[in-house]
PDB file of N, CA and C in Angstrom:
ATOM      1  N   MET A   1      -3.872 -42.309  19.582  1.00  0.00           N
ATOM      2  CA  MET A   1      -4.982 -42.722  20.399  1.00  0.00           C
ATOM      3  C   MET A   1      -4.939 -44.235  20.576  1.00  0.00           C
ATOM      4  N   SER A   2      -5.159 -44.647  21.747  1.00  0.00           N
ATOM      5  CA  SER A   2      -5.142 -46.086  22.012  1.00  0.00           C
ATOM      6  C   SER A   2      -6.563 -46.625  21.989  1.00  0.00           C
ATOM      7  N   GLN A   3      -6.661 -47.834  21.563  1.00  0.00           N
ATOM      8  CA  GLN A   3      -7.951 -48.495  21.475  1.00  0.00           C
ATOM      9  C   GLN A   3      -8.178 -49.309  22.754  1.00  0.00           C
ATOM     10  N   PRO A   4      -9.388 -49.397  23.219  1.00  0.00           N
ATOM     11  CA  PRO A   4      -9.663 -50.222  24.399  1.00  0.00           C
ATOM     12  C   PRO A   4      -9.434 -51.699  24.069  1.00  0.00           C
ATOM     13  N   VAL A   5      -8.937 -52.416  25.045  1.00  0.00           N
ATOM     14  CA  VAL A   5      -8.670 -53.844  24.873  1.00  0.00           C
ATOM     15  C   VAL A   5      -9.958 -54.608  25.094  1.00  0.00           C
ATOM     16  N   SER A   6     -10.230 -55.505  24.174  1.00  0.00           N
ATOM     17  CA  SER A   6     -11.423 -56.322  24.296  1.00  0.00           C
ATOM     18  C   SER A   6     -11.229 -57.343  25.412  1.00  0.00           C
ATOM     19  N   LYS A   7     -12.226 -57.530  26.236  1.00  0.00           N
ATOM     20  CA  LYS A   7     -12.121 -58.495  27.322  1.00  0.00           C
ATOM     21  C   LYS A   7     -12.179 -59.925  26.810  1.00  0.00           C
ATOM     22  N   GLY A   8     -12.574 -60.135  25.591  1.00  0.00           N
ATOM     23  CA  GLY A   8     -12.648 -61.472  25.023  1.00  0.00           C
ATOM     24  C   GLY A   8     -11.312 -61.963  24.503  1.00  0.00           C
ATOM     25  N   GLU A   9     -10.372 -61.064  24.259  1.00  0.00           N
ATOM     26  CA  GLU A   9      -9.065 -61.463  23.742  1.00  0.00           C
ATOM     27  C   GLU A   9      -8.174 -61.906  24.894  1.00  0.00           C
ATOM     28  N   SER A  10      -7.369 -62.946  24.629  1.00  0.00           N
ATOM     29  CA  SER A  10      -6.411 -63.380  25.635  1.00  0.00           C
ATOM     30  C   SER A  10      -5.101 -63.689  24.940  1.00  0.00           C
ATOM     31  N   ASN A  11      -4.042 -63.560  25.650  1.00  0.00           N
ATOM     32  CA  ASN A  11      -2.710 -63.839  25.123  1.00  0.00           C
ATOM     33  C   ASN A  11      -2.452 -65.339  25.240  1.00  0.00           C
ATOM     34  N   PRO A  12      -2.265 -66.053  24.130  1.00  0.00           N
ATOM     35  CA  PRO A  12      -2.066 -67.500  24.204  1.00  0.00           C
ATOM     36  C   PRO A  12      -0.712 -67.874  24.820  1.00  0.00           C
ATOM     37  N   LEU A  13       0.224 -66.937  24.921  1.00  0.00           N
ATOM     38  CA  LEU A  13       1.530 -67.234  25.491  1.00  0.00           C
ATOM     39  C   LEU A  13       1.526 -67.185  27.014  1.00  0.00           C
ATOM     40  N   VAL A  14       0.569 -66.516  27.581  1.00  0.00           N
ATOM     41  CA  VAL A  14       0.476 -66.407  29.029  1.00  0.00           C
ATOM     42  C   VAL A  14      -0.535 -67.428  29.530  1.00  0.00           C
ATOM     43  N   LYS A  15      -0.042 -68.356  30.344  1.00  0.00           N
ATOM     44  CA  LYS A  15      -0.930 -69.382  30.895  1.00  0.00           C
ATOM     45  C   LYS A  15      -1.547 -68.851  32.179  1.00  0.00           C
ATOM     46  N   ALA A  16      -2.835 -68.786  32.179  1.00  0.00           N
ATOM     47  CA  ALA A  16      -3.529 -68.294  33.358  1.00  0.00           C
ATOM     48  C   ALA A  16      -3.902 -69.479  34.235  1.00  0.00           C
ATOM     49  N   GLU A  17      -3.306 -69.513  35.416  1.00  0.00           N
ATOM     50  CA  GLU A  17      -3.638 -70.566  36.370  1.00  0.00           C
ATOM     51  C   GLU A  17      -4.587 -69.972  37.401  1.00  0.00           C
ATOM     52  N   PRO A  18      -5.428 -70.794  37.955  1.00  0.00           N
ATOM     53  CA  PRO A  18      -6.323 -70.263  38.980  1.00  0.00           C
ATOM     54  C   PRO A  18      -5.522 -69.747  40.173  1.00  0.00           C
ATOM     55  N   ARG A  19      -5.956 -68.664  40.719  1.00  0.00           N
ATOM     56  CA  ARG A  19      -5.262 -68.039  41.842  1.00  0.00           C
ATOM     57  C   ARG A  19      -5.475 -68.859  43.103  1.00  0.00           C
ATOM     58  N   ASN A  20      -4.358 -69.161  43.778  1.00  0.00           N
ATOM     59  CA  ASN A  20      -4.413 -69.901  45.029  1.00  0.00           C
ATOM     60  C   ASN A  20      -4.419 -68.876  46.166  1.00  0.00           C
ATOM     61  N   PRO A  21      -5.461 -68.817  46.959  1.00  0.00           N
ATOM     62  CA  PRO A  21      -5.529 -67.807  48.021  1.00  0.00           C
ATOM     63  C   PRO A  21      -4.508 -68.042  49.138  1.00  0.00           C
ATOM     64  N   LEU A  22      -3.886 -69.215  49.186  1.00  0.00           N
ATOM     65  CA  LEU A  22      -2.913 -69.517  50.237  1.00  0.00           C
ATOM     66  C   LEU A  22      -1.490 -69.115  49.870  1.00  0.00           C
ATOM     67  N   LYS A  23      -1.274 -68.678  48.628  1.00  0.00           N
ATOM     68  CA  LYS A  23       0.062 -68.296  48.182  1.00  0.00           C
ATOM     69  C   LYS A  23       0.088 -66.833  47.782  1.00  0.00           C
ATOM     70  N   ASN A  24       1.123 -66.166  48.194  1.00  0.00           N
ATOM     71  CA  ASN A  24       1.319 -64.772  47.838  1.00  0.00           C
ATOM     72  C   ASN A  24       1.811 -64.718  46.392  1.00  0.00           C
ATOM     73  N   PRO A  25       1.109 -64.030  45.493  1.00  0.00           N
ATOM     74  CA  PRO A  25       1.517 -64.014  44.088  1.00  0.00           C
ATOM     75  C   PRO A  25       2.845 -63.295  43.847  1.00  0.00           C
ATOM     76  N   SER A  26       3.273 -62.462  44.763  1.00  0.00           N
ATOM     77  CA  SER A  26       4.547 -61.777  44.570  1.00  0.00           C
ATOM     78  C   SER A  26       5.722 -62.593  45.110  1.00  0.00           C
ATOM     79  N   TYR A  27       5.458 -63.708  45.765  1.00  0.00           N
ATOM     80  CA  TYR A  27       6.512 -64.555  46.313  1.00  0.00           C
ATOM     81  C   TYR A  27       6.871 -65.606  45.275  1.00  0.00           C
ATOM     82  N   PRO A  28       8.139 -65.689  44.870  1.00  0.00           N
ATOM     83  CA  PRO A  28       8.494 -66.618  43.791  1.00  0.00           C
ATOM     84  C   PRO A  28       8.318 -68.082  44.188  1.00  0.00           C
ATOM     85  N   GLN A  29       7.846 -68.866  43.254  1.00  0.00           N
ATOM     86  CA  GLN A  29       7.643 -70.286  43.498  1.00  0.00           C
ATOM     87  C   GLN A  29       8.975 -71.022  43.428  1.00  0.00           C
ATOM     88  N   ARG A  30       9.163 -71.984  44.275  1.00  0.00           N
ATOM     89  CA  ARG A  30      10.371 -72.803  44.301  1.00  0.00           C
ATOM     90  C   ARG A  30      10.245 -73.867  43.217  1.00  0.00           C
ATOM     91  N   VAL A  31      11.067 -73.749  42.186  1.00  0.00           N
ATOM     92  CA  VAL A  31      10.951 -74.660  41.050  1.00  0.00           C
ATOM     93  C   VAL A  31      12.124 -75.633  40.965  1.00  0.00           C
ATOM     94  N   HIS A  32      13.070 -75.553  41.900  1.00  0.00           N
ATOM     95  CA  HIS A  32      14.256 -76.402  41.833  1.00  0.00           C
ATOM     96  C   HIS A  32      14.299 -77.437  42.955  1.00  0.00           C
ATOM     97  N   LEU A  33      13.206 -77.625  43.661  1.00  0.00           N
ATOM     98  CA  LEU A  33      13.213 -78.560  44.786  1.00  0.00           C
ATOM     99  C   LEU A  33      13.532 -79.981  44.350  1.00  0.00           C
ATOM    100  N   HIS A  34      13.153 -80.351  43.152  1.00  0.00           N
ATOM    101  CA  HIS A  34      13.408 -81.709  42.666  1.00  0.00           C
ATOM    102  C   HIS A  34      14.893 -81.977  42.435  1.00  0.00           C
ATOM    103  N   GLU A  35      15.730 -80.949  42.433  1.00  0.00           N
ATOM    104  CA  GLU A  35      17.165 -81.114  42.182  1.00  0.00           C
ATOM    105  C   GLU A  35      17.956 -81.441  43.453  1.00  0.00           C
ATOM    106  N   ARG A  36      17.314 -81.426  44.600  1.00  0.00           N
ATOM    107  CA  ARG A  36      18.013 -81.634  45.867  1.00  0.00           C
ATOM    108  C   ARG A  36      18.839 -82.931  45.863  1.00  0.00           C
ATOM    109  N   ALA A  37      18.285 -84.027  45.405  1.00  0.00           N
ATOM    110  CA  ALA A  37      19.003 -85.309  45.407  1.00  0.00           C
ATOM    111  C   ALA A  37      20.261 -85.247  44.534  1.00  0.00           C
ATOM    112  N   HIS A  38      20.160 -84.577  43.399  1.00  0.00           N
ATOM    113  CA  HIS A  38      21.319 -84.462  42.509  1.00  0.00           C
ATOM    114  C   HIS A  38      22.450 -83.703  43.192  1.00  0.00           C
ATOM    115  N   TRP A  39      22.140 -82.578  43.813  1.00  0.00           N
ATOM    116  CA  TRP A  39      23.182 -81.767  44.442  1.00  0.00           C
ATOM    117  C   TRP A  39      23.741 -82.448  45.683  1.00  0.00           C
ATOM    118  N   GLN A  40      22.925 -83.235  46.377  1.00  0.00           N
ATOM    119  CA  GLN A  40      23.437 -83.999  47.510  1.00  0.00           C
ATOM    120  C   GLN A  40      24.390 -85.095  47.029  1.00  0.00           C
ATOM    121  N   GLU A  41      24.127 -85.652  45.868  1.00  0.00           N
ATOM    122  CA  GLU A  41      25.027 -86.660  45.289  1.00  0.00           C
ATOM    123  C   GLU A  41      26.355 -86.018  44.888  1.00  0.00           C
ATOM    124  N   VAL A  42      26.310 -84.816  44.333  1.00  0.00           N
ATOM    125  CA  VAL A  42      27.540 -84.089  44.003  1.00  0.00           C
ATOM    126  C   VAL A  42      28.354 -83.861  45.272  1.00  0.00           C
ATOM    127  N   LEU A  43      27.698 -83.440  46.337  1.00  0.00           N
ATOM    128  CA  LEU A  43      28.385 -83.212  47.609  1.00  0.00           C
ATOM    129  C   LEU A  43      28.970 -84.504  48.156  1.00  0.00           C
ATOM    130  N   LYS A  44      28.251 -85.601  48.048  1.00  0.00           N
ATOM    131  CA  LYS A  44      28.752 -86.895  48.529  1.00  0.00           C
ATOM    132  C   LYS A  44      30.001 -87.309  47.752  1.00  0.00           C
ATOM    133  N   THR A  45      30.015 -87.079  46.457  1.00  0.00           N
ATOM    134  CA  THR A  45      31.182 -87.393  45.636  1.00  0.00           C
ATOM    135  C   THR A  45      32.387 -86.572  46.092  1.00  0.00           C
ATOM    136  N   VAL A  46      32.170 -85.301  46.355  1.00  0.00           N
ATOM    137  CA  VAL A  46      33.241 -84.430  46.834  1.00  0.00           C
ATOM    138  C   VAL A  46      33.772 -84.942  48.168  1.00  0.00           C
ATOM    139  N   GLU A  47      32.874 -85.289  49.082  1.00  0.00           N
ATOM    140  CA  GLU A  47      33.295 -85.764  50.395  1.00  0.00           C
ATOM    141  C   GLU A  47      34.033 -87.096  50.313  1.00  0.00           C
ATOM    142  N   ASP A  48      33.618 -87.961  49.398  1.00  0.00           N
ATOM    143  CA  ASP A  48      34.318 -89.242  49.220  1.00  0.00           C
ATOM    144  C   ASP A  48      35.745 -89.021  48.725  1.00  0.00           C
ATOM    145  N   ARG A  49      35.910 -88.103  47.781  1.00  0.00           N
ATOM    146  CA  ARG A  49      37.257 -87.801  47.276  1.00  0.00           C
ATOM    147  C   ARG A  49      38.150 -87.257  48.390  1.00  0.00           C
ATOM    148  N   ILE A  50      37.600 -86.400  49.210  1.00  0.00           N
ATOM    149  CA  ILE A  50      38.377 -85.812  50.301  1.00  0.00           C
ATOM    150  C   ILE A  50      38.700 -86.864  51.364  1.00  0.00           C
ATOM    151  N   ALA A  51      37.794 -87.800  51.594  1.00  0.00           N
ATOM    152  CA  ALA A  51      38.058 -88.869  52.564  1.00  0.00           C
ATOM    153  C   ALA A  51      39.254 -89.718  52.115  1.00  0.00           C
ATOM    154  N   LYS A  52      39.360 -89.988  50.823  1.00  0.00           N
ATOM    155  CA  LYS A  52      40.511 -90.739  50.306  1.00  0.00           C
ATOM    156  C   LYS A  52      41.797 -89.941  50.481  1.00  0.00           C
ATOM    157  N   ALA A  53      41.711 -88.634  50.282  1.00  0.00           N
ATOM    158  CA  ALA A  53      42.887 -87.783  50.488  1.00  0.00           C
ATOM    159  C   ALA A  53      43.293 -87.803  51.957  1.00  0.00           C
ATOM    160  N   ARG A  54      42.328 -87.828  52.850  1.00  0.00           N
ATOM    161  CA  ARG A  54      42.631 -87.877  54.287  1.00  0.00           C
ATOM    162  C   ARG A  54      43.351 -89.178  54.634  1.00  0.00           C
ATOM    163  N   GLN A  55      42.938 -90.267  54.018  1.00  0.00           N
ATOM    164  CA  GLN A  55      43.609 -91.546  54.259  1.00  0.00           C
ATOM    165  C   GLN A  55      45.068 -91.470  53.817  1.00  0.00           C
ATOM    166  N   LYS A  56      45.305 -90.861  52.675  1.00  0.00           N
ATOM    167  CA  LYS A  56      46.673 -90.716  52.196  1.00  0.00           C
ATOM    168  C   LYS A  56      47.475 -89.820  53.134  1.00  0.00           C
ATOM    169  N   LEU A  57      46.859 -88.772  53.636  1.00  0.00           N
ATOM    170  CA  LEU A  57      47.534 -87.875  54.568  1.00  0.00           C
ATOM    171  C   LEU A  57      47.916 -88.625  55.851  1.00  0.00           C
ATOM    172  N   ASP A  58      47.054 -89.511  56.311  1.00  0.00           N
ATOM    173  CA  ASP A  58      47.356 -90.304  57.500  1.00  0.00           C
ATOM    174  C   ASP A  58      48.516 -91.270  57.258  1.00  0.00           C
ATOM    175  N   VAL A  59      48.612 -91.796  56.032  1.00  0.00           N
ATOM    176  CA  VAL A  59      49.685 -92.740  55.691  1.00  0.00           C
ATOM    177  C   VAL A  59      51.032 -92.024  55.588  1.00  0.00           C
ATOM    178  N   ILE A  60      51.012 -90.794  55.140  1.00  0.00           N
ATOM    179  CA  ILE A  60      52.258 -90.038  54.963  1.00  0.00           C
ATOM    180  C   ILE A  60      52.997 -89.897  56.286  1.00  0.00           C
ATOM    181  N   GLY A  61      52.259 -89.765  57.367  1.00  0.00           N
ATOM    182  CA  GLY A  61      52.900 -89.606  58.669  1.00  0.00           C
ATOM    183  C   GLY A  61      53.570 -88.251  58.784  1.00  0.00           C
ATOM    184  N   SER A  62      54.768 -88.236  59.323  1.00  0.00           N
ATOM    185  CA  SER A  62      55.471 -86.963  59.530  1.00  0.00           C
ATOM    186  C   SER A  62      56.612 -86.814  58.532  1.00  0.00           C
ATOM    187  N   GLY A  63      56.324 -87.104  57.285  1.00  0.00           N
ATOM    188  CA  GLY A  63      57.333 -86.975  56.231  1.00  0.00           C
ATOM    189  C   GLY A  63      57.694 -85.523  55.970  1.00  0.00           C
ATOM    190  N   PRO A  64      58.729 -85.310  55.154  1.00  0.00           N
ATOM    191  CA  PRO A  64      59.185 -83.942  54.891  1.00  0.00           C
ATOM    192  C   PRO A  64      58.177 -83.096  54.107  1.00  0.00           C
ATOM    193  N   ASN A  65      57.305 -83.709  53.347  1.00  0.00           N
ATOM    194  CA  ASN A  65      56.328 -82.959  52.539  1.00  0.00           C
ATOM    195  C   ASN A  65      54.953 -82.887  53.194  1.00  0.00           C
ATOM    196  N   ARG A  66      54.862 -83.290  54.445  1.00  0.00           N
ATOM    197  CA  ARG A  66      53.557 -83.304  55.112  1.00  0.00           C
ATOM    198  C   ARG A  66      52.916 -81.914  55.130  1.00  0.00           C
ATOM    199  N   ALA A  67      53.698 -80.882  55.348  1.00  0.00           N
ATOM    200  CA  ALA A  67      53.140 -79.523  55.420  1.00  0.00           C
ATOM    201  C   ALA A  67      52.447 -79.141  54.113  1.00  0.00           C
ATOM    202  N   ALA A  68      53.039 -79.507  52.983  1.00  0.00           N
ATOM    203  CA  ALA A  68      52.426 -79.199  51.684  1.00  0.00           C
ATOM    204  C   ALA A  68      51.115 -79.966  51.526  1.00  0.00           C
ATOM    205  N   PHE A  69      51.097 -81.227  51.947  1.00  0.00           N
ATOM    206  CA  PHE A  69      49.869 -82.021  51.856  1.00  0.00           C
ATOM    207  C   PHE A  69      48.803 -81.476  52.807  1.00  0.00           C
ATOM    208  N   GLU A  70      49.188 -81.052  53.995  1.00  0.00           N
ATOM    209  CA  GLU A  70      48.218 -80.490  54.936  1.00  0.00           C
ATOM    210  C   GLU A  70      47.608 -79.207  54.381  1.00  0.00           C
ATOM    211  N   HIS A  71      48.445 -78.397  53.756  1.00  0.00           N
ATOM    212  CA  HIS A  71      47.958 -77.149  53.161  1.00  0.00           C
ATOM    213  C   HIS A  71      46.924 -77.449  52.075  1.00  0.00           C
ATOM    214  N   LEU A  72      47.234 -78.393  51.202  1.00  0.00           N
ATOM    215  CA  LEU A  72      46.297 -78.751  50.130  1.00  0.00           C
ATOM    216  C   LEU A  72      45.025 -79.369  50.709  1.00  0.00           C
ATOM    217  N   TYR A  73      45.183 -80.169  51.764  1.00  0.00           N
ATOM    218  CA  TYR A  73      44.013 -80.785  52.393  1.00  0.00           C
ATOM    219  C   TYR A  73      43.080 -79.713  52.966  1.00  0.00           C
ATOM    220  N   CYS A  74      43.645 -78.702  53.592  1.00  0.00           N
ATOM    221  CA  CYS A  74      42.824 -77.602  54.133  1.00  0.00           C
ATOM    222  C   CYS A  74      42.106 -76.850  53.007  1.00  0.00           C
ATOM    223  N   GLN A  75      42.767 -76.699  51.868  1.00  0.00           N
ATOM    224  CA  GLN A  75      42.112 -76.062  50.723  1.00  0.00           C
ATOM    225  C   GLN A  75      40.958 -76.933  50.212  1.00  0.00           C
ATOM    226  N   MET A  76      41.157 -78.261  50.250  1.00  0.00           N
ATOM    227  CA  MET A  76      40.071 -79.164  49.852  1.00  0.00           C
ATOM    228  C   MET A  76      38.861 -78.983  50.756  1.00  0.00           C
ATOM    229  N   LEU A  77      39.106 -78.844  52.047  1.00  0.00           N
ATOM    230  CA  LEU A  77      38.000 -78.658  52.985  1.00  0.00           C
ATOM    231  C   LEU A  77      37.266 -77.347  52.713  1.00  0.00           C
ATOM    232  N   GLY A  78      38.003 -76.312  52.344  1.00  0.00           N
ATOM    233  CA  GLY A  78      37.363 -75.043  52.000  1.00  0.00           C
ATOM    234  C   GLY A  78      36.489 -75.165  50.758  1.00  0.00           C
ATOM    235  N   ALA A  79      36.994 -75.882  49.752  1.00  0.00           N
ATOM    236  CA  ALA A  79      36.198 -76.095  48.535  1.00  0.00           C
ATOM    237  C   ALA A  79      34.959 -76.925  48.858  1.00  0.00           C
ATOM    238  N   ARG A  80      35.122 -77.938  49.729  1.00  0.00           N
ATOM    239  CA  ARG A  80      33.975 -78.758  50.119  1.00  0.00           C
ATOM    240  C   ARG A  80      32.927 -77.920  50.833  1.00  0.00           C
ATOM    241  N   ASP A  81      33.363 -77.016  51.704  1.00  0.00           N
ATOM    242  CA  ASP A  81      32.417 -76.160  52.410  1.00  0.00           C
ATOM    243  C   ASP A  81      31.643 -75.267  51.438  1.00  0.00           C
ATOM    244  N   GLN A  82      32.315 -74.778  50.420  1.00  0.00           N
ATOM    245  CA  GLN A  82      31.657 -73.947  49.415  1.00  0.00           C
ATOM    246  C   GLN A  82      30.609 -74.761  48.665  1.00  0.00           C
ATOM    247  N   VAL A  83      30.957 -75.994  48.285  1.00  0.00           N
ATOM    248  CA  VAL A  83      30.019 -76.870  47.579  1.00  0.00           C
ATOM    249  C   VAL A  83      28.843 -77.211  48.496  1.00  0.00           C
ATOM    250  N   ALA A  84      29.129 -77.537  49.754  1.00  0.00           N
ATOM    251  CA  ALA A  84      28.072 -77.924  50.694  1.00  0.00           C
ATOM    252  C   ALA A  84      27.090 -76.776  50.927  1.00  0.00           C
ATOM    253  N   ASP A  85      27.604 -75.578  51.080  1.00  0.00           N
ATOM    254  CA  ASP A  85      26.747 -74.420  51.316  1.00  0.00           C
ATOM    255  C   ASP A  85      25.832 -74.165  50.125  1.00  0.00           C
ATOM    256  N   ALA A  86      26.407 -74.214  48.933  1.00  0.00           N
ATOM    257  CA  ALA A  86      25.596 -73.974  47.732  1.00  0.00           C
ATOM    258  C   ALA A  86      24.598 -75.108  47.509  1.00  0.00           C
ATOM    259  N   ALA A  87      25.023 -76.354  47.719  1.00  0.00           N
ATOM    260  CA  ALA A  87      24.127 -77.500  47.506  1.00  0.00           C
ATOM    261  C   ALA A  87      22.949 -77.469  48.479  1.00  0.00           C
ATOM    262  N   LYS A  88      23.175 -76.952  49.656  1.00  0.00           N
ATOM    263  CA  LYS A  88      22.105 -76.862  50.652  1.00  0.00           C
ATOM    264  C   LYS A  88      21.080 -75.802  50.257  1.00  0.00           C
ATOM    265  N   ARG A  89      21.547 -74.669  49.755  1.00  0.00           N
ATOM    266  CA  ARG A  89      20.640 -73.557  49.455  1.00  0.00           C
ATOM    267  C   ARG A  89      19.982 -73.643  48.087  1.00  0.00           C
ATOM    268  N   MET A  90      20.680 -74.202  47.113  1.00  0.00           N
ATOM    269  CA  MET A  90      20.207 -74.133  45.724  1.00  0.00           C
ATOM    270  C   MET A  90      18.770 -74.599  45.488  1.00  0.00           C
ATOM    271  N   PRO A  91      18.358 -75.741  46.010  1.00  0.00           N
ATOM    272  CA  PRO A  91      16.992 -76.193  45.687  1.00  0.00           C
ATOM    273  C   PRO A  91      15.897 -75.234  46.132  1.00  0.00           C
ATOM    274  N   THR A  92      16.183 -74.390  47.105  1.00  0.00           N
ATOM    275  CA  THR A  92      15.146 -73.478  47.588  1.00  0.00           C
ATOM    276  C   THR A  92      15.265 -72.075  47.012  1.00  0.00           C
ATOM    277  N   GLU A  93      16.263 -71.838  46.194  1.00  0.00           N
ATOM    278  CA  GLU A  93      16.467 -70.507  45.614  1.00  0.00           C
ATOM    279  C   GLU A  93      15.727 -70.371  44.284  1.00  0.00           C
ATOM    280  N   THR A  94      15.546 -69.128  43.867  1.00  0.00           N
ATOM    281  CA  THR A  94      14.910 -68.844  42.585  1.00  0.00           C
ATOM    282  C   THR A  94      15.709 -67.772  41.860  1.00  0.00           C
ATOM    283  N   GLY A  95      15.526 -67.708  40.575  1.00  0.00           N
ATOM    284  CA  GLY A  95      16.089 -66.633  39.759  1.00  0.00           C
ATOM    285  C   GLY A  95      17.589 -66.469  39.877  1.00  0.00           C
ATOM    286  N   ASP A  96      18.003 -65.230  40.104  1.00  0.00           N
ATOM    287  CA  ASP A  96      19.421 -64.904  40.161  1.00  0.00           C
ATOM    288  C   ASP A  96      20.120 -65.552  41.350  1.00  0.00           C
ATOM    289  N   LEU A  97      19.417 -65.749  42.454  1.00  0.00           N
ATOM    290  CA  LEU A  97      20.032 -66.396  43.617  1.00  0.00           C
ATOM    291  C   LEU A  97      20.394 -67.839  43.292  1.00  0.00           C
ATOM    292  N   TYR A  98      19.516 -68.517  42.557  1.00  0.00           N
ATOM    293  CA  TYR A  98      19.809 -69.886  42.137  1.00  0.00           C
ATOM    294  C   TYR A  98      21.023 -69.897  41.211  1.00  0.00           C
ATOM    295  N   ALA A  99      21.056 -68.994  40.258  1.00  0.00           N
ATOM    296  CA  ALA A  99      22.179 -68.941  39.311  1.00  0.00           C
ATOM    297  C   ALA A  99      23.488 -68.641  40.039  1.00  0.00           C
ATOM    298  N   GLU A 100      23.445 -67.752  41.012  1.00  0.00           N
ATOM    299  CA  GLU A 100      24.648 -67.425  41.777  1.00  0.00           C
ATOM    300  C   GLU A 100      25.140 -68.629  42.577  1.00  0.00           C
ATOM    301  N   ASP A 101      24.222 -69.334  43.242  1.00  0.00           N
ATOM    302  CA  ASP A 101      24.623 -70.510  44.009  1.00  0.00           C
ATOM    303  C   ASP A 101      25.121 -71.634  43.103  1.00  0.00           C
ATOM    304  N   ARG A 102      24.505 -71.781  41.956  1.00  0.00           N
ATOM    305  CA  ARG A 102      24.973 -72.810  41.019  1.00  0.00           C
ATOM    306  C   ARG A 102      26.389 -72.486  40.548  1.00  0.00           C
ATOM    307  N   HIS A 103      26.648 -71.224  40.276  1.00  0.00           N
ATOM    308  CA  HIS A 103      27.986 -70.800  39.875  1.00  0.00           C
ATOM    309  C   HIS A 103      28.990 -71.088  40.998  1.00  0.00           C
ATOM    310  N   ARG A 104      28.612 -70.773  42.223  1.00  0.00           N
ATOM    311  CA  ARG A 104      29.499 -71.036  43.364  1.00  0.00           C
ATOM    312  C   ARG A 104      29.779 -72.531  43.504  1.00  0.00           C
ATOM    313  N   LEU A 105      28.757 -73.365  43.327  1.00  0.00           N
ATOM    314  CA  LEU A 105      28.953 -74.809  43.435  1.00  0.00           C
ATOM    315  C   LEU A 105      29.886 -75.309  42.338  1.00  0.00           C
ATOM    316  N   GLU A 106      29.643 -74.874  41.121  1.00  0.00           N
ATOM    317  CA  GLU A 106      30.497 -75.313  40.008  1.00  0.00           C
ATOM    318  C   GLU A 106      31.934 -74.841  40.194  1.00  0.00           C
ATOM    319  N   GLU A 107      32.117 -73.632  40.704  1.00  0.00           N
ATOM    320  CA  GLU A 107      33.469 -73.129  40.956  1.00  0.00           C
ATOM    321  C   GLU A 107      34.135 -73.902  42.091  1.00  0.00           C
ATOM    322  N   GLY A 108      33.374 -74.304  43.079  1.00  0.00           N
ATOM    323  CA  GLY A 108      33.922 -75.111  44.170  1.00  0.00           C
ATOM    324  C   GLY A 108      34.399 -76.461  43.682  1.00  0.00           C
ATOM    325  N   VAL A 109      33.624 -77.098  42.813  1.00  0.00           N
ATOM    326  CA  VAL A 109      34.023 -78.391  42.247  1.00  0.00           C
ATOM    327  C   VAL A 109      35.252 -78.218  41.356  1.00  0.00           C
ATOM    328  N   ALA A 110      35.294 -77.157  40.567  1.00  0.00           N
ATOM    329  CA  ALA A 110      36.460 -76.899  39.713  1.00  0.00           C
ATOM    330  C   ALA A 110      37.702 -76.628  40.559  1.00  0.00           C
ATOM    331  N   ALA A 111      37.543 -75.888  41.649  1.00  0.00           N
ATOM    332  CA  ALA A 111      38.676 -75.621  42.545  1.00  0.00           C
ATOM    333  C   ALA A 111      39.176 -76.917  43.152  1.00  0.00           C
ATOM    334  N   LEU A 112      38.259 -77.782  43.539  1.00  0.00           N
ATOM    335  CA  LEU A 112      38.658 -79.074  44.110  1.00  0.00           C
ATOM    336  C   LEU A 112      39.437 -79.897  43.087  1.00  0.00           C
ATOM    337  N   ASP A 113      39.012 -79.875  41.835  1.00  0.00           N
ATOM    338  CA  ASP A 113      39.743 -80.590  40.781  1.00  0.00           C
ATOM    339  C   ASP A 113      41.170 -80.046  40.647  1.00  0.00           C
ATOM    340  N   ARG A 114      41.309 -78.728  40.676  1.00  0.00           N
ATOM    341  CA  ARG A 114      42.652 -78.129  40.583  1.00  0.00           C
ATOM    342  C   ARG A 114      43.518 -78.512  41.782  1.00  0.00           C
ATOM    343  N   ILE A 115      42.922 -78.525  42.966  1.00  0.00           N
ATOM    344  CA  ILE A 115      43.669 -78.887  44.170  1.00  0.00           C
ATOM    345  C   ILE A 115      44.118 -80.347  44.091  1.00  0.00           C
ATOM    346  N   PHE A 116      43.243 -81.219  43.604  1.00  0.00           N
ATOM    347  CA  PHE A 116      43.614 -82.628  43.485  1.00  0.00           C
ATOM    348  C   PHE A 116      44.744 -82.839  42.477  1.00  0.00           C
ATOM    349  N   LYS A 117      44.778 -82.044  41.426  1.00  0.00           N
ATOM    350  CA  LYS A 117      45.891 -82.150  40.475  1.00  0.00           C
ATOM    351  C   LYS A 117      47.202 -81.786  41.162  1.00  0.00           C
ATOM    352  N   ARG A 118      47.183 -80.738  41.975  1.00  0.00           N
ATOM    353  CA  ARG A 118      48.393 -80.364  42.716  1.00  0.00           C
ATOM    354  C   ARG A 118      48.726 -81.413  43.775  1.00  0.00           C
ATOM    355  N   TRP A 119      47.712 -81.990  44.399  1.00  0.00           N
ATOM    356  CA  TRP A 119      47.895 -83.045  45.410  1.00  0.00           C
ATOM    357  C   TRP A 119      48.616 -84.247  44.797  1.00  0.00           C
ATOM    358  N   GLU A 120      48.144 -84.667  43.623  1.00  0.00           N
ATOM    359  CA  GLU A 120      48.733 -85.839  42.962  1.00  0.00           C
ATOM    360  C   GLU A 120      50.128 -85.561  42.431  1.00  0.00           C
ATOM    361  N   ALA A 121      50.445 -84.296  42.170  1.00  0.00           N
ATOM    362  CA  ALA A 121      51.773 -83.938  41.648  1.00  0.00           C
ATOM    363  C   ALA A 121      52.816 -83.820  42.772  1.00  0.00           C
ATOM    364  N   GLN A 122      52.365 -83.773  44.040  1.00  0.00           N
ATOM    365  CA  GLN A 122      53.297 -83.648  45.171  1.00  0.00           C
ATOM    366  C   GLN A 122      54.085 -84.936  45.365  1.00  0.00           C
ATOM    367  N   PRO A 123      55.408 -84.815  45.549  1.00  0.00           N
ATOM    368  CA  PRO A 123      56.182 -86.021  45.879  1.00  0.00           C
ATOM    369  C   PRO A 123      55.875 -86.424  47.324  1.00  0.00           C
ATOM    370  N   THR A 124      55.775 -87.721  47.579  1.00  0.00           N
ATOM    371  CA  THR A 124      55.429 -88.211  48.920  1.00  0.00           C
ATOM    372  C   THR A 124      56.650 -88.264  49.838  1.00  0.00           C
ATOM    373  N   SER A 125      57.836 -88.206  49.311  1.00  0.00           N
ATOM    374  CA  SER A 125      58.995 -88.248  50.202  1.00  0.00           C
ATOM    375  C   SER A 125      60.010 -87.179  49.860  1.00  0.00           C
TER     376      SER A 125
END
């Protein structure tokens, strides 16, 4: 048999905030909006690294290894697009969507690091 719950008891772990009539209680609150500047800085760092690679690609000219450098450069652009897409969406996501986008962003940055290692290992002539 269950006992009736006293209306005077409250759970101290659950914080009761006043209900806002302008917000749907089933719609998740955006709690990562303050991170937008950080993720934009990560994207800017990625773009700066790729800009330096583009300068090197322009200096190489039509050397014998240009095709390998162009291939790596295109992979860098793909990694940048992955980072840019995730950085744009992440601040407005919640829960599992935020975690998924964060994982995608981190994997994009890691992929870019791997591509740069291969880029630096390529002989220029």
